[in-house]
């Protein structure tokens, strides 16, 4: 039996930033997940999978 994850769609960095509108973005902002506060140097170039997931943190002031 196959299990499905549901539906979804790709969003641009600008669309993701829109979810955080009105908040103060914490550095480095909205970036591919491996680039968000890495503990070690991030190998370049990023893989396709690494480029497909992005995130950021916003703080309410």
Protein backbone atom coordinates (compact mmCIF):
# COMPACT_ATOMS: atom_id res chain seq x y z
CA UNK A 1 0.00 0.00 0.00
CA UNK A 2 1.37 3.40 -0.98
CA UNK A 3 1.20 6.31 1.41
CA UNK A 4 0.97 9.79 -0.01
CA UNK A 5 2.37 12.99 1.44
CA UNK A 6 -0.41 15.14 0.05
CA UNK A 7 -0.18 18.05 -2.32
CA UNK A 8 2.14 20.99 -2.36
CA UNK A 9 3.94 23.41 -4.59
CA UNK A 10 7.29 25.11 -4.86
CA UNK A 11 7.53 28.67 -3.57
CA UNK A 12 10.06 31.37 -4.37
CA UNK A 13 12.27 32.89 -1.70
CA UNK A 14 10.14 36.04 -2.00
CA UNK A 15 6.97 34.06 -1.30
CA UNK A 16 8.55 32.48 1.77
CA UNK A 17 9.72 35.90 2.98
CA UNK A 18 6.11 37.05 2.59
CA UNK A 19 5.09 34.66 5.38
CA UNK A 20 7.47 36.57 7.66
CA UNK A 21 6.33 40.06 6.60
CA UNK A 22 6.10 42.41 9.55
CA UNK A 23 8.68 40.46 11.53
CA UNK A 24 12.37 41.19 11.97
CA UNK A 25 14.28 38.55 10.02
CA UNK A 26 17.06 36.87 11.99
CA UNK A 27 20.34 36.68 10.02
CA UNK A 28 20.96 35.20 7.52
CA UNK A 29 17.30 35.65 6.53
CA UNK A 30 15.49 33.26 4.20
CA UNK A 31 18.09 30.97 2.66
CA UNK A 32 18.50 27.30 1.66
CA UNK A 33 18.43 25.27 4.89
CA UNK A 34 22.10 24.19 4.81
CA UNK A 35 23.06 27.90 4.81
CA UNK A 36 21.05 28.72 7.95
CA UNK A 37 23.61 28.92 10.74
CA UNK A 38 25.77 25.96 9.72
CA UNK A 39 28.17 24.50 12.30
CA UNK A 40 30.75 23.82 9.61
CA UNK A 41 31.57 25.15 6.14
CA UNK A 42 28.83 24.28 3.66
CA UNK A 43 30.11 22.41 0.61
CA UNK A 44 29.39 24.16 -2.68
CA UNK A 45 27.56 23.78 -4.91
CA UNK A 46 24.48 22.68 -2.98
CA UNK A 47 22.70 19.57 -4.23
CA UNK A 48 19.26 19.88 -5.83
CA UNK A 49 17.65 18.52 -2.64
CA UNK A 50 19.52 21.08 -0.52
CA UNK A 51 18.34 23.92 -2.77
CA UNK A 52 14.69 22.78 -2.66
CA UNK A 53 14.22 23.48 1.05
CA UNK A 54 14.52 27.00 2.43
CA UNK A 55 13.65 28.60 5.69
CA UNK A 56 14.12 31.56 7.94
CA UNK A 57 13.24 32.87 11.37
CA UNK A 58 11.38 36.08 12.10
CA UNK A 59 11.08 37.78 15.44
CA UNK A 60 8.21 39.96 16.60
CA UNK A 61 9.30 43.28 18.10
